[in-house]
C-alpha atoms as a PDB file:
ATOM      1  CA  MET A   1       0.040  -0.240   0.003  1.00  0.00           C
ATOM      2  CA  LEU A   2       1.427   3.106  -1.125  1.00  0.00           C
ATOM      3  CA  LEU A   3       0.549   6.970   0.179  1.00  0.00           C
ATOM      4  CA  LYS A   4      -0.272   9.970  -0.941  1.00  0.00           C
ATOM      5  CA  SER A   5      -1.308  13.059   0.934  1.00  0.00           C
ATOM      6  CA  ASN A   6      -1.183  16.848   0.929  1.00  0.00           C
ATOM      7  CA  THR A   7      -1.785  19.167   3.838  1.00  0.00           C
ATOM      8  CA  ILE A   8      -5.720  18.913   3.919  1.00  0.00           C
ATOM      9  CA  LEU A   9      -6.107  15.096   3.959  1.00  0.00           C
ATOM     10  CA  CYS A  10      -4.327  12.128   3.676  1.00  0.00           C
ATOM     11  CA  VAL A  11      -4.897   9.840   0.656  1.00  0.00           C
ATOM     12  CA  TYR A  12      -4.078   6.302   0.484  1.00  0.00           C
ATOM     13  CA  GLU A  13      -3.437   4.104  -2.705  1.00  0.00           C
ATOM     14  CA  VAL A  14      -4.350   0.773  -1.896  1.00  0.00           C
ATOM     15  CA  VAL A  15      -2.401  -1.689  -4.440  1.00  0.00           C
ATOM     16  CA  VAL A  16      -4.072  -5.117  -4.576  1.00  0.00           C
ATOM     17  CA  MET A  17      -1.955  -8.147  -5.948  1.00  0.00           C
ATOM     18  CA  ARG A  18      -2.771 -11.131  -6.753  1.00  0.00           C
ATOM     19  CA  SER A  19      -2.268 -13.612  -3.252  1.00  0.00           C
ATOM     20  CA  GLY A  20       0.246 -16.558  -3.593  1.00  0.00           C
ATOM     21  CA  SER A  21       1.914 -16.170  -6.912  1.00  0.00           C
ATOM     22  CA  PHE A  22       4.080 -14.048  -8.526  1.00  0.00           C
ATOM     23  CA  ASP A  23       1.761 -10.599  -9.503  1.00  0.00           C
ATOM     24  CA  SER A  24       3.198  -8.368 -11.935  1.00  0.00           C
ATOM     25  CA  HIS A  25       0.024  -6.309 -12.363  1.00  0.00           C
ATOM     26  CA  ARG A  26      -0.752  -4.229 -10.177  1.00  0.00           C
ATOM     27  CA  VAL A  27      -4.184  -2.241  -9.696  1.00  0.00           C
ATOM     28  CA  SER A  28      -4.781   0.549  -7.542  1.00  0.00           C
ATOM     29  CA  VAL A  29      -7.623   2.212  -5.581  1.00  0.00           C
ATOM     30  CA  GLU A  30      -7.549   5.427  -3.553  1.00  0.00           C
ATOM     31  CA  ARG A  31      -9.213   5.199  -0.098  1.00  0.00           C
ATOM     32  CA  ARG A  32      -9.565   7.834   3.199  1.00  0.00           C
ATOM     33  CA  TYR A  33      -9.496   6.967   6.832  1.00  0.00           C
ATOM     34  CA  SER A  34     -12.928   7.290   6.738  1.00  0.00           C
ATOM     35  CA  ASP A  35     -13.295   4.463   4.156  1.00  0.00           C
ATOM     36  CA  PHE A  36     -11.137   2.498   6.776  1.00  0.00           C
ATOM     37  CA  SER A  37     -13.590   3.075   9.553  1.00  0.00           C
ATOM     38  CA  ARG A  38     -16.758   2.600   7.979  1.00  0.00           C
ATOM     39  CA  PHE A  39     -15.342  -0.704   6.697  1.00  0.00           C
ATOM     40  CA  HIS A  40     -14.052  -1.437  10.348  1.00  0.00           C
ATOM     41  CA  LEU A  41     -17.294  -0.916  11.974  1.00  0.00           C
ATOM     42  CA  GLU A  42     -19.240  -3.212   9.425  1.00  0.00           C
ATOM     43  CA  LEU A  43     -16.649  -5.677   9.521  1.00  0.00           C
ATOM     44  CA  LEU A  44     -17.262  -5.650  13.373  1.00  0.00           C
ATOM     45  CA  GLU A  45     -20.958  -5.640  13.127  1.00  0.00           C
ATOM     46  CA  GLU A  46     -20.854  -8.619  11.162  1.00  0.00           C
ATOM     47  CA  PHE A  47     -17.950 -10.901  12.774  1.00  0.00           C
ATOM     48  CA  GLY A  48     -17.826  -9.114  16.208  1.00  0.00           C
ATOM     49  CA  GLU A  49     -15.485 -11.445  18.495  1.00  0.00           C
ATOM     50  CA  GLU A  50     -14.215 -12.767  15.415  1.00  0.00           C
ATOM     51  CA  LEU A  51     -12.271  -9.855  15.353  1.00  0.00           C
ATOM     52  CA  GLU A  52     -10.983  -8.700  18.689  1.00  0.00           C
ATOM     53  CA  GLU A  53      -7.196  -9.092  17.421  1.00  0.00           C
ATOM     54  CA  VAL A  54      -7.525  -6.585  14.436  1.00  0.00           C
ATOM     55  CA  VAL A  55      -7.424  -3.404  15.570  1.00  0.00           C
ATOM     56  CA  LEU A  56      -7.900  -0.340  13.228  1.00  0.00           C
ATOM     57  CA  PRO A  57      -5.127   2.215  13.860  1.00  0.00           C
ATOM     58  CA  GLY A  58      -6.696   5.864  15.582  1.00  0.00           C
ATOM     59  CA  LYS A  59      -6.770   8.382  13.388  1.00  0.00           C
ATOM     60  CA  LEU A  60      -4.140  11.203  13.162  1.00  0.00           C
ATOM     61  CA  LEU A  61      -5.122  13.980  15.212  1.00  0.00           C
ATOM     62  CA  THR A  62      -6.093  17.033  13.235  1.00  0.00           C
ATOM     63  CA  ARG A  63      -3.042  18.879  10.859  1.00  0.00           C
ATOM     64  CA  ASN A  64      -0.408  16.041  12.070  1.00  0.00           C
ATOM     65  CA  PHE A  65       0.696  15.180   8.832  1.00  0.00           C
ATOM     66  CA  CYS A  66       4.104  15.070   9.191  1.00  0.00           C
ATOM     67  CA  PRO A  67       6.307  12.529   7.320  1.00  0.00           C
ATOM     68  CA  ASN A  68       7.099  10.127  10.050  1.00  0.00           C
ATOM     69  CA  SER A  69       2.959  10.225  11.576  1.00  0.00           C
ATOM     70  CA  ILE A  70       2.390   9.811   7.537  1.00  0.00           C
ATOM     71  CA  SER A  71       4.620   7.064   7.298  1.00  0.00           C
ATOM     72  CA  GLU A  72       4.040   4.985  10.407  1.00  0.00           C
ATOM     73  CA  ARG A  73       0.141   5.216   9.811  1.00  0.00           C
ATOM     74  CA  ARG A  74       0.500   3.718   6.362  1.00  0.00           C
ATOM     75  CA  LEU A  75       2.964   0.718   7.693  1.00  0.00           C
ATOM     76  CA  ALA A  76      -0.135   0.589  10.333  1.00  0.00           C
ATOM     77  CA  LEU A  77      -2.624   0.736   7.503  1.00  0.00           C
ATOM     78  CA  GLN A  78      -0.954  -2.185   5.617  1.00  0.00           C
ATOM     79  CA  ASP A  79      -0.469  -4.068   8.267  1.00  0.00           C
ATOM     80  CA  TYR A  80      -4.284  -3.784   9.163  1.00  0.00           C
ATOM     81  CA  LEU A  81      -5.370  -4.947   5.739  1.00  0.00           C
ATOM     82  CA  ALA A  82      -3.176  -8.420   6.134  1.00  0.00           C
ATOM     83  CA  LYS A  83      -4.238  -9.441   9.494  1.00  0.00           C
ATOM     84  CA  LEU A  84      -7.853  -8.741   8.162  1.00  0.00           C
ATOM     85  CA  PHE A  85      -7.104 -10.725   4.497  1.00  0.00           C
ATOM     86  CA  ALA A  86      -5.140 -13.320   7.244  1.00  0.00           C
ATOM     87  CA  THR A  87      -8.564 -13.793   8.909  1.00  0.00           C
ATOM     88  CA  ARG A  88     -10.781 -16.341   7.147  1.00  0.00           C
ATOM     89  CA  CYS A  89     -13.926 -15.007   7.897  1.00  0.00           C
ATOM     90  CA  VAL A  90     -13.628 -11.659   6.422  1.00  0.00           C
ATOM     91  CA  ARG A  91     -11.051 -12.943   3.295  1.00  0.00           C
ATOM     92  CA  HIS A  92     -14.126 -14.519   2.616  1.00  0.00           C
ATOM     93  CA  SER A  93     -16.608 -12.130   3.084  1.00  0.00           C
ATOM     94  CA  PRO A  94     -18.327 -10.310   0.232  1.00  0.00           C
ATOM     95  CA  LEU A  95     -17.519  -6.926   2.844  1.00  0.00           C
ATOM     96  CA  PHE A  96     -13.972  -7.749   1.566  1.00  0.00           C
ATOM     97  CA  PRO A  97     -13.883  -6.932  -2.183  1.00  0.00           C
ATOM     98  CA  LYS A  98     -16.631  -4.377  -1.496  1.00  0.00           C
ATOM     99  CA  PHE A  99     -14.310  -2.211   0.350  1.00  0.00           C
ATOM    100  CA  PHE A 100     -11.701  -2.448  -2.753  1.00  0.00           C
ATOM    101  CA  THR A 101     -14.413  -1.848  -5.221  1.00  0.00           C
ATOM    102  CA  ALA A 102     -17.640  -0.257  -4.454  1.00  0.00           C
ATOM    103  CA  PRO A 103     -16.899   3.704  -5.258  1.00  0.00           C
ATOM    104  CA  GLU A 104     -15.541   2.848  -8.497  1.00  0.00           C
ATOM    105  CA  GLN A 105     -18.315  -0.083  -9.074  1.00  0.00           C
ATOM    106  CA  LYS A 106     -21.091   2.994  -8.440  1.00  0.00           C
ATOM    107  CA  ARG A 107     -19.081   5.626 -10.487  1.00  0.00           C
ATOM    108  CA  GLY A 108     -18.628   3.280 -13.356  1.00  0.00           C
ATOM    109  CA  HIS A 109     -22.814   2.281 -13.455  1.00  0.00           C
ATOM    110  CA  ASP A 110     -23.282   6.336 -13.071  1.00  0.00           C
ATOM    111  CA  PHE A 111     -21.428   7.174 -15.973  1.00  0.00           C
ATOM    112  CA  LEU A 112     -22.880   3.868 -17.993  1.00  0.00           C
ATOM    113  CA  ARG A 113     -26.212   4.838 -16.824  1.00  0.00           C
ATOM    114  CA  ALA A 114     -25.259   8.449 -18.239  1.00  0.00           C
ATOM    115  CA  GLY A 115     -24.181   6.757 -21.389  1.00  0.00           C
ATOM    116  CA  GLN A 116     -20.825   7.960 -21.011  1.00  0.00           C
ATOM    117  CA  PHE A 117     -19.287   4.118 -22.046  1.00  0.00           C
ATOM    118  CA  LYS A 118     -15.892   4.667 -22.256  1.00  0.00           C
ATOM    119  CA  LEU A 119     -15.620   6.434 -18.632  1.00  0.00           C
ATOM    120  CA  ALA A 120     -17.566   3.701 -17.264  1.00  0.00           C
ATOM    121  CA  LEU A 121     -15.513   1.166 -19.091  1.00  0.00           C
ATOM    122  CA  LEU A 122     -12.436   2.464 -17.093  1.00  0.00           C
ATOM    123  CA  GLN A 123     -14.150   2.074 -14.060  1.00  0.00           C
ATOM    124  CA  LEU A 124     -15.182  -1.253 -14.768  1.00  0.00           C
ATOM    125  CA  GLN A 125     -11.911  -2.411 -15.663  1.00  0.00           C
ATOM    126  CA  VAL A 126     -10.381  -1.467 -11.779  1.00  0.00           C
ATOM    127  CA  VAL A 127     -13.384  -3.098 -10.479  1.00  0.00           C
ATOM    128  CA  LEU A 128     -12.744  -6.687 -12.597  1.00  0.00           C
ATOM    129  CA  GLU A 129      -9.250  -6.982 -12.435  1.00  0.00           C
ATOM    130  CA  ILE A 130     -10.054  -6.453  -8.558  1.00  0.00           C
ATOM    131  CA  GLN A 131     -12.482  -8.810  -8.050  1.00  0.00           C
ATOM    132  CA  GLU A 132     -10.404 -11.393 -10.294  1.00  0.00           C
ATOM    133  CA  LYS A 133      -7.762 -11.190  -7.837  1.00  0.00           C
ATOM    134  CA  LEU A 134      -9.782 -11.555  -4.940  1.00  0.00           C
ATOM    135  CA  ALA A 135     -12.157 -14.484  -6.141  1.00  0.00           C
ATOM    136  CA  PRO A 136     -10.609 -17.147  -5.158  1.00  0.00           C
ATOM    137  CA  TRP A 137     -11.801 -16.655  -1.629  1.00  0.00           C
ATOM    138  CA  GLN A 138     -15.308 -15.000  -3.150  1.00  0.00           C
ATOM    139  CA  ARG A 139     -18.699 -16.439  -4.309  1.00  0.00           C
ATOM    140  CA  GLY A 140     -18.650 -17.527  -7.875  1.00  0.00           C
ATOM    141  CA  THR A 141     -21.090 -15.030  -8.751  1.00  0.00           C
ATOM    142  CA  LEU A 142     -18.912 -11.808  -7.536  1.00  0.00           C
ATOM    143  CA  LEU A 143     -17.598 -11.277 -11.323  1.00  0.00           C
ATOM    144  CA  VAL A 144     -21.227 -11.344 -13.208  1.00  0.00           C
ATOM    145  CA  PRO A 145     -22.960  -8.204 -12.592  1.00  0.00           C
ATOM    146  CA  THR A 146     -19.349  -6.435 -13.760  1.00  0.00           C
ATOM    147  CA  LEU A 147     -18.661  -8.793 -16.509  1.00  0.00           C
ATOM    148  CA  SER A 148     -22.093  -7.932 -17.901  1.00  0.00           C
ATOM    149  CA  ALA A 149     -21.322  -4.433 -17.297  1.00  0.00           C
ATOM    150  CA  VAL A 150     -18.201  -4.355 -19.193  1.00  0.00           C
ATOM    151  CA  ALA A 151     -20.114  -6.550 -21.854  1.00  0.00           C
ATOM    152  CA  VAL A 152     -22.765  -3.665 -22.392  1.00  0.00           C
ATOM    153  CA  CYS A 153     -20.158  -1.091 -22.624  1.00  0.00           C
ATOM    154  CA  HIS A 154     -18.306  -2.690 -25.280  1.00  0.00           C
ATOM    155  CA  ARG A 155     -21.294  -3.475 -27.295  1.00  0.00           C
ATOM    156  CA  ASP A 156     -22.793   0.281 -27.124  1.00  0.00           C
ATOM    157  CA  LEU A 157     -19.087   1.797 -28.047  1.00  0.00           C
ATOM    158  CA  GLU A 158     -19.660  -0.858 -31.566  1.00  0.00           C
ATOM    159  CA  GLU A 159     -17.187  -3.435 -30.097  1.00  0.00           C
ATOM    160  CA  PRO A 160     -19.102  -6.548 -30.428  1.00  0.00           C
ATOM    161  CA  GLU A 161     -15.923  -8.793 -30.393  1.00  0.00           C
ATOM    162  CA  GLN A 162     -15.191  -7.201 -26.810  1.00  0.00           C
ATOM    163  CA  SER A 163     -18.604  -7.241 -26.187  1.00  0.00           C
ATOM    164  CA  LEU A 164     -19.295 -11.140 -27.002  1.00  0.00           C
ATOM    165  CA  ALA A 165     -16.168 -12.458 -25.287  1.00  0.00           C
ATOM    166  CA  THR A 166     -16.787 -10.374 -22.061  1.00  0.00           C
ATOM    167  CA  ALA A 167     -20.438 -11.980 -21.877  1.00  0.00           C
ATOM    168  CA  HIS A 168     -19.197 -15.429 -23.026  1.00  0.00           C
ATOM    169  CA  ARG A 169     -16.800 -15.473 -19.556  1.00  0.00           C
ATOM    170  CA  ALA A 170     -20.316 -13.946 -17.464  1.00  0.00           C
ATOM    171  CA  LEU A 171     -22.408 -16.899 -18.869  1.00  0.00           C
ATOM    172  CA  PRO A 172     -20.783 -19.751 -16.941  1.00  0.00           C
ATOM    173  CA  PRO A 173     -21.120 -19.032 -13.601  1.00  0.00           C
ATOM    174  CA  ALA A 174     -24.834 -17.501 -14.191  1.00  0.00           C
ATOM    175  CA  ARG A 175     -25.691 -20.799 -15.506  1.00  0.00           C
ATOM    176  CA  ARG A 176     -23.698 -22.787 -12.853  1.00  0.00           C
ATOM    177  CA  TYR A 177     -24.947 -20.506  -9.873  1.00  0.00           C
ATOM    178  CA  GLY A 178     -28.859 -19.618 -10.937  1.00  0.00           C
ATOM    179  CA  LEU A 179     -28.891 -16.001 -11.932  1.00  0.00           C
ATOM    180  CA  HIS A 180     -31.580 -16.698 -14.254  1.00  0.00           C
ATOM    181  CA  ARG A 181     -31.919 -12.834 -14.703  1.00  0.00           C
ATOM    182  CA  TYR A 182     -28.548 -12.883 -15.979  1.00  0.00           C
ATOM    183  CA  ARG A 183     -27.995 -15.793 -17.993  1.00  0.00           C
ATOM    184  CA  ALA A 184     -31.351 -14.957 -19.773  1.00  0.00           C
ATOM    185  CA  ALA A 185     -30.195 -11.272 -20.862  1.00  0.00           C
ATOM    186  CA  LEU A 186     -26.690 -12.716 -21.390  1.00  0.00           C
ATOM    187  CA  LEU A 187     -27.798 -15.339 -23.913  1.00  0.00           C
ATOM    188  CA  GLU A 188     -29.978 -12.106 -25.468  1.00  0.00           C
ATOM    189  CA  LEU A 189     -27.164 -10.446 -26.316  1.00  0.00           C
ATOM    190  CA  LEU A 190     -24.920 -13.455 -27.292  1.00  0.00           C
ATOM    191  CA  VAL A 191     -27.774 -14.542 -30.012  1.00  0.00           C
ATOM    192  CA  ASP A 192     -28.346 -10.584 -30.990  1.00  0.00           C
ATOM    193  CA  VAL A 193     -24.365  -9.913 -31.520  1.00  0.00           C
ATOM    194  CA  GLY A 194     -23.615 -13.410 -32.035  1.00  0.00           C
ATOM    195  CA  TYR A 195     -25.913 -12.885 -35.060  1.00  0.00           C
ATOM    196  CA  GLN A 196     -24.113  -9.569 -36.014  1.00  0.00           C
ATOM    197  CA  LEU A 197     -21.213 -10.885 -36.288  1.00  0.00           C
ATOM    198  CA  GLY A 198     -22.094 -13.901 -38.544  1.00  0.00           C
ATOM    199  CA  ARG A 199     -21.483 -16.538 -35.564  1.00  0.00           C
ATOM    200  CA  PRO A 200     -23.620 -19.482 -35.378  1.00  0.00           C
ATOM    201  CA  VAL A 201     -26.014 -19.151 -32.123  1.00  0.00           C
ATOM    202  CA  ALA A 202     -28.986 -21.955 -32.590  1.00  0.00           C
ATOM    203  CA  GLN A 203     -27.681 -23.187 -29.704  1.00  0.00           C
ATOM    204  CA  LEU A 204     -27.705 -20.321 -27.525  1.00  0.00           C
ATOM    205  CA  GLN A 205     -31.305 -19.484 -28.873  1.00  0.00           C
ATOM    206  CA  GLY A 206     -32.545 -22.643 -27.811  1.00  0.00           C
ATOM    207  CA  GLU A 207     -30.947 -22.210 -24.630  1.00  0.00           C
ATOM    208  CA  LEU A 208     -32.756 -19.141 -23.908  1.00  0.00           C
ATOM    209  CA  THR A 209     -36.004 -20.502 -25.209  1.00  0.00           C
ATOM    210  CA  ALA A 210     -36.002 -23.349 -22.849  1.00  0.00           C
ATOM    211  CA  LEU A 211     -34.898 -20.772 -19.812  1.00  0.00           C
ATOM    212  CA  ARG A 212     -37.687 -18.382 -20.413  1.00  0.00           C
ATOM    213  CA  ASP A 213     -40.059 -21.437 -20.979  1.00  0.00           C
ATOM    214  CA  SER A 214     -38.628 -23.224 -17.635  1.00  0.00           C
ATOM    215  CA  GLN A 215     -39.084 -20.162 -15.305  1.00  0.00           C
ATOM    216  CA  ARG A 216     -42.338 -18.340 -16.802  1.00  0.00           C
ATOM    217  CA  GLY A 217     -43.451 -15.498 -15.055  1.00  0.00           C
ATOM    218  CA  GLU A 218     -39.771 -16.141 -12.828  1.00  0.00           C
ATOM    219  CA  VAL A 219     -37.158 -14.642 -15.706  1.00  0.00           C
ATOM    220  CA  SER A 220     -37.949 -11.111 -16.890  1.00  0.00           C
ATOM    221  CA  CYS A 221     -37.827 -10.115 -20.664  1.00  0.00           C
ATOM    222  CA  CYS A 222     -35.453  -7.022 -19.835  1.00  0.00           C
ATOM    223  CA  SER A 223     -32.245  -6.716 -21.873  1.00  0.00           C
ATOM    224  CA  LEU A 224     -28.968  -6.930 -19.974  1.00  0.00           C
ATOM    225  CA  LYS A 225     -28.462  -3.009 -20.448  1.00  0.00           C
ATOM    226  CA  GLU A 226     -31.721  -2.512 -18.588  1.00  0.00           C
ATOM    227  CA  LEU A 227     -30.393  -4.964 -16.321  1.00  0.00           C
ATOM    228  CA  VAL A 228     -27.125  -3.328 -15.191  1.00  0.00           C
ATOM    229  CA  VAL A 229     -28.773   0.225 -15.213  1.00  0.00           C
ATOM    230  CA  ARG A 230     -30.371  -1.108 -12.518  1.00  0.00           C
ATOM    231  CA  GLU A 231     -27.251  -2.158 -10.041  1.00  0.00           C
ATOM    232  CA  PHE A 232     -25.422  -0.019  -7.668  1.00  0.00           C
ATOM    233  CA  ILE A 233     -28.237   3.424  -7.494  1.00  0.00           C
END
């Protein structure tokens, strides 16, 4: 974890790397102390006594931003995150990746709803890279909403190949974990974009028809774009 600061506030650059293997590609997000504080309160509410030995470093005194204080705080927060990751219940909790991705996820969807697909894609790609690094300890559904939003952005940017490839990544976990709304919307996009690109789509169309028949009344007919714009409002 690296640090940026100015005379008014400290902003911490949290660098996320894949655990247990060499990771040459770093991805980072910026968080303030107040973000760490909210995160810690959420964890205490969820896990209570299981976090007795994990203590959030105290807040710096107002305007106490001398280099030594900042360096000590940076190391203390780095140690705090390491202890959280070492705590199994936290590492496997959806609260853990949410801390690293929620603001970027919301900004990405705000841009998407505003039709600013390039800006949305920049935010969502950061989210996706972090989620991929944390995925081994999370539910298999973690990536589906983000991949779906990325597929929508590529389609609206008239990048059908990228849209098709991303939707194909999202479909298997949507099938496996029974995410019927996403599965139906992904299938519809794959059929439409695949047809546009001259790809075989009969099998995908058959799966979509069978899904809607078997889940009649439970699977909406909204498009993938309509589905993702409703997320993170």
